Amino acid sequence: MSLSIRNQIPGTVTAVTAGEVMATVKVRLDGGQDLTAAITLEAVKDLGLTEGSAVRALVKSTEVALATGAVAGLSIRNRLPGTVTDVATGGAMASVKVTVVGGELTAAITKEAVTDLGLTAGSSVVALIKSTEVSLAGA
């Protein structure tokens, strides 16, 4: 199967908390960061996810927001520090490549955001990803 999702980061399930319909799955990424995915309980069962399962965290580029420092007052739990390696801008949007420990992410953000944040290669950033925007696949 081929996927258009560029952001695929390997990791290991550290905990599964099941509810009636949804579950939260904690993943320790190979780079040492922790990530939480909120997925359906059915997906947990279909994938056979348990503590110790090898997975790939999948995040669409349009679901990765960037900040240039610590951000308080947000409910977003997934915060991965990194460094911008490339910025490609178009008329309205930009593709920003970010290296994080253990992998690389692409964020599709507005050209205006790139300008407002002053993003260039070498900029330190924090990738912000809502738990509901993280899918999991077996490794």
C-alpha atoms as a PDB file:
ATOM      1  CA  MET A   1       0.000   0.000   0.000  1.00  0.00           C
ATOM      2  CA  SER A   2       1.246   3.467  -0.855  1.00  0.00           C
ATOM      3  CA  LEU A   3       0.434   6.544   1.238  1.00  0.00           C
ATOM      4  CA  SER A   4       0.745  10.233   0.424  1.00  0.00           C
ATOM      5  CA  ILE A   5       1.499  10.974   4.077  1.00  0.00           C
ATOM      6  CA  ARG A   6       5.115  12.126   4.244  1.00  0.00           C
ATOM      7  CA  ASN A   7       5.348  12.318   8.022  1.00  0.00           C
ATOM      8  CA  GLN A   8       5.911   8.724   9.138  1.00  0.00           C
ATOM      9  CA  ILE A   9       7.870   8.439  12.372  1.00  0.00           C
ATOM     10  CA  PRO A  10       8.740   5.033  13.876  1.00  0.00           C
ATOM     11  CA  GLY A  11       8.100   4.272  17.518  1.00  0.00           C
ATOM     12  CA  THR A  12       6.887   1.791  20.126  1.00  0.00           C
ATOM     13  CA  VAL A  13       3.546   1.762  21.955  1.00  0.00           C
ATOM     14  CA  THR A  14       4.049   2.453  25.660  1.00  0.00           C
ATOM     15  CA  ALA A  15       0.404   2.523  26.780  1.00  0.00           C
ATOM     16  CA  VAL A  16      -3.130   2.034  25.484  1.00  0.00           C
ATOM     17  CA  THR A  17      -6.058   3.567  27.370  1.00  0.00           C
ATOM     18  CA  ALA A  18      -9.331   2.273  25.975  1.00  0.00           C
ATOM     19  CA  GLY A  19     -12.693   3.973  26.245  1.00  0.00           C
ATOM     20  CA  GLU A  20     -16.066   2.881  24.915  1.00  0.00           C
ATOM     21  CA  VAL A  21     -15.387   4.068  21.342  1.00  0.00           C
ATOM     22  CA  MET A  22     -11.992   5.810  21.334  1.00  0.00           C
ATOM     23  CA  ALA A  23      -8.577   5.053  22.767  1.00  0.00           C
ATOM     24  CA  THR A  24      -5.462   7.036  23.481  1.00  0.00           C
ATOM     25  CA  VAL A  25      -2.243   5.368  22.483  1.00  0.00           C
ATOM     26  CA  LYS A  26       1.043   6.643  23.883  1.00  0.00           C
ATOM     27  CA  VAL A  27       4.040   6.101  21.633  1.00  0.00           C
ATOM     28  CA  ARG A  28       7.729   6.536  22.402  1.00  0.00           C
ATOM     29  CA  LEU A  29       9.289   7.671  19.129  1.00  0.00           C
ATOM     30  CA  ASP A  30      12.631   6.171  18.154  1.00  0.00           C
ATOM     31  CA  GLY A  31      14.166   9.610  18.817  1.00  0.00           C
ATOM     32  CA  GLY A  32      13.005   9.458  22.462  1.00  0.00           C
ATOM     33  CA  GLN A  33      10.053  11.880  22.290  1.00  0.00           C
ATOM     34  CA  ASP A  34       6.577  10.887  23.446  1.00  0.00           C
ATOM     35  CA  LEU A  35       3.545  11.199  21.186  1.00  0.00           C
ATOM     36  CA  THR A  36      -0.141  10.575  21.896  1.00  0.00           C
ATOM     37  CA  ALA A  37      -2.632   9.410  19.267  1.00  0.00           C
ATOM     38  CA  ALA A  38      -6.398   9.457  19.794  1.00  0.00           C
ATOM     39  CA  ILE A  39      -7.775   6.700  17.556  1.00  0.00           C
ATOM     40  CA  THR A  40     -10.840   4.479  17.493  1.00  0.00           C
ATOM     41  CA  LEU A  41     -10.956   1.442  19.733  1.00  0.00           C
ATOM     42  CA  GLU A  42     -11.748  -0.555  16.598  1.00  0.00           C
ATOM     43  CA  ALA A  43      -8.424   0.560  15.061  1.00  0.00           C
ATOM     44  CA  VAL A  44      -6.565  -0.499  18.216  1.00  0.00           C
ATOM     45  CA  LYS A  45      -8.117  -3.962  17.937  1.00  0.00           C
ATOM     46  CA  ASP A  46      -7.635  -4.232  14.148  1.00  0.00           C
ATOM     47  CA  LEU A  47      -3.951  -3.316  14.454  1.00  0.00           C
ATOM     48  CA  GLY A  48      -3.452  -5.469  17.555  1.00  0.00           C
ATOM     49  CA  LEU A  49      -1.895  -2.550  19.413  1.00  0.00           C
ATOM     50  CA  THR A  50      -0.543  -3.367  22.857  1.00  0.00           C
ATOM     51  CA  GLU A  51       2.339  -2.111  24.962  1.00  0.00           C
ATOM     52  CA  GLY A  52       5.529  -2.916  23.049  1.00  0.00           C
ATOM     53  CA  SER A  53       3.945  -2.903  19.562  1.00  0.00           C
ATOM     54  CA  ALA A  54       6.138  -1.336  16.879  1.00  0.00           C
ATOM     55  CA  VAL A  55       4.237   1.385  14.992  1.00  0.00           C
ATOM     56  CA  ARG A  56       4.647   4.305  12.632  1.00  0.00           C
ATOM     57  CA  ALA A  57       3.005   7.581  13.624  1.00  0.00           C
ATOM     58  CA  LEU A  58       1.415   9.173  10.543  1.00  0.00           C
ATOM     59  CA  VAL A  59       0.664  12.899  10.400  1.00  0.00           C
ATOM     60  CA  LYS A  60      -0.519  14.847   7.356  1.00  0.00           C
ATOM     61  CA  SER A  61       1.661  17.879   6.610  1.00  0.00           C
ATOM     62  CA  THR A  62      -1.350  20.186   6.854  1.00  0.00           C
ATOM     63  CA  GLU A  63      -1.846  19.039  10.470  1.00  0.00           C
ATOM     64  CA  VAL A  64       1.607  20.143  11.663  1.00  0.00           C
ATOM     65  CA  ALA A  65       1.711  23.656  13.134  1.00  0.00           C
ATOM     66  CA  LEU A  66       4.995  25.362  13.978  1.00  0.00           C
ATOM     67  CA  ALA A  67       5.981  27.660  16.831  1.00  0.00           C
ATOM     68  CA  THR A  68       9.297  29.386  17.382  1.00  0.00           C
ATOM     69  CA  GLY A  69       9.368  28.783  21.134  1.00  0.00           C
ATOM     70  CA  ALA A  70       7.478  27.438  24.102  1.00  0.00           C
ATOM     71  CA  VAL A  71       3.721  27.969  23.838  1.00  0.00           C
ATOM     72  CA  ALA A  72       1.611  28.072  26.999  1.00  0.00           C
ATOM     73  CA  GLY A  73      -2.125  27.608  27.309  1.00  0.00           C
ATOM     74  CA  LEU A  74      -2.611  25.077  24.518  1.00  0.00           C
ATOM     75  CA  SER A  75      -4.214  21.668  24.916  1.00  0.00           C
ATOM     76  CA  ILE A  76      -1.855  20.242  22.290  1.00  0.00           C
ATOM     77  CA  ARG A  77       0.206  17.533  24.005  1.00  0.00           C
ATOM     78  CA  ASN A  78       2.426  16.576  21.075  1.00  0.00           C
ATOM     79  CA  ARG A  79       5.266  19.084  20.942  1.00  0.00           C
ATOM     80  CA  LEU A  80       8.393  18.009  19.077  1.00  0.00           C
ATOM     81  CA  PRO A  81      11.381  20.379  19.100  1.00  0.00           C
ATOM     82  CA  GLY A  82      13.321  20.591  15.876  1.00  0.00           C
ATOM     83  CA  THR A  83      15.257  22.635  13.357  1.00  0.00           C
ATOM     84  CA  VAL A  84      14.066  23.952   9.995  1.00  0.00           C
ATOM     85  CA  THR A  85      16.117  22.430   7.179  1.00  0.00           C
ATOM     86  CA  ASP A  86      14.276  23.864   4.167  1.00  0.00           C
ATOM     87  CA  VAL A  87      11.509  26.320   3.298  1.00  0.00           C
ATOM     88  CA  ALA A  88       9.788  26.300  -0.093  1.00  0.00           C
ATOM     89  CA  THR A  89       7.181  29.014  -0.609  1.00  0.00           C
ATOM     90  CA  GLY A  90       4.473  29.388  -3.221  1.00  0.00           C
ATOM     91  CA  GLY A  91       1.901  32.085  -3.783  1.00  0.00           C
ATOM     92  CA  ALA A  92      -0.114  31.315  -0.641  1.00  0.00           C
ATOM     93  CA  MET A  93       1.386  28.251   1.050  1.00  0.00           C
ATOM     94  CA  ALA A  94       4.790  26.995   2.108  1.00  0.00           C
ATOM     95  CA  SER A  95       6.354  23.612   2.760  1.00  0.00           C
ATOM     96  CA  VAL A  96       8.688  23.648   5.759  1.00  0.00           C
ATOM     97  CA  LYS A  97      10.964  20.667   6.404  1.00  0.00           C
ATOM     98  CA  VAL A  98      11.892  20.148  10.058  1.00  0.00           C
ATOM     99  CA  THR A  99      14.438  17.741  11.494  1.00  0.00           C
ATOM    100  CA  VAL A 100      13.461  16.273  14.862  1.00  0.00           C
ATOM    101  CA  VAL A 101      15.458  13.747  16.856  1.00  0.00           C
ATOM    102  CA  GLY A 102      14.875  10.432  15.106  1.00  0.00           C
ATOM    103  CA  GLY A 103      13.152  11.752  12.004  1.00  0.00           C
ATOM    104  CA  GLU A 104      11.964  14.518   9.757  1.00  0.00           C
ATOM    105  CA  LEU A 105       8.594  16.287   9.453  1.00  0.00           C
ATOM    106  CA  THR A 106       7.054  18.416   6.751  1.00  0.00           C
ATOM    107  CA  ALA A 107       4.645  21.200   7.742  1.00  0.00           C
ATOM    108  CA  ALA A 108       2.356  22.755   5.132  1.00  0.00           C
ATOM    109  CA  ILE A 109       1.670  26.251   6.489  1.00  0.00           C
ATOM    110  CA  THR A 110       0.767  29.599   4.998  1.00  0.00           C
ATOM    111  CA  LYS A 111       3.403  31.743   3.352  1.00  0.00           C
ATOM    112  CA  GLU A 112       2.272  34.513   5.712  1.00  0.00           C
ATOM    113  CA  ALA A 113       3.102  32.321   8.747  1.00  0.00           C
ATOM    114  CA  VAL A 114       6.601  31.700   7.386  1.00  0.00           C
ATOM    115  CA  THR A 115       7.117  35.458   7.109  1.00  0.00           C
ATOM    116  CA  ASP A 116       5.542  36.262  10.495  1.00  0.00           C
ATOM    117  CA  LEU A 117       7.662  33.628  12.264  1.00  0.00           C
ATOM    118  CA  GLY A 118      10.809  34.497  10.322  1.00  0.00           C
ATOM    119  CA  LEU A 119      11.383  30.869   9.373  1.00  0.00           C
ATOM    120  CA  THR A 120      14.559  30.040   7.480  1.00  0.00           C
ATOM    121  CA  ALA A 121      16.882  27.057   7.349  1.00  0.00           C
ATOM    122  CA  GLY A 122      18.457  26.744  10.795  1.00  0.00           C
ATOM    123  CA  SER A 123      15.502  28.228  12.714  1.00  0.00           C
ATOM    124  CA  SER A 124      14.605  26.417  15.934  1.00  0.00           C
ATOM    125  CA  VAL A 125      10.935  25.420  16.036  1.00  0.00           C
ATOM    126  CA  VAL A 126       8.467  23.287  17.938  1.00  0.00           C
ATOM    127  CA  ALA A 127       6.139  21.108  15.853  1.00  0.00           C
ATOM    128  CA  LEU A 128       2.644  21.079  17.377  1.00  0.00           C
ATOM    129  CA  ILE A 129       0.383  18.133  16.529  1.00  0.00           C
ATOM    130  CA  LYS A 130      -3.040  17.468  18.063  1.00  0.00           C
ATOM    131  CA  SER A 131      -3.538  13.883  19.258  1.00  0.00           C
ATOM    132  CA  THR A 132      -6.611  13.556  17.056  1.00  0.00           C
ATOM    133  CA  GLU A 133      -4.435  14.246  14.007  1.00  0.00           C
ATOM    134  CA  VAL A 134      -2.036  11.330  14.624  1.00  0.00           C
ATOM    135  CA  SER A 135      -2.833   8.009  12.956  1.00  0.00           C
ATOM    136  CA  LEU A 136      -0.939   4.807  13.680  1.00  0.00           C
ATOM    137  CA  ALA A 137       0.174   2.016  11.365  1.00  0.00           C
ATOM    138  CA  GLY A 138       1.869  -1.232  12.158  1.00  0.00           C
ATOM    139  CA  ALA A 139       5.616  -1.047  11.615  1.00  0.00           C
END
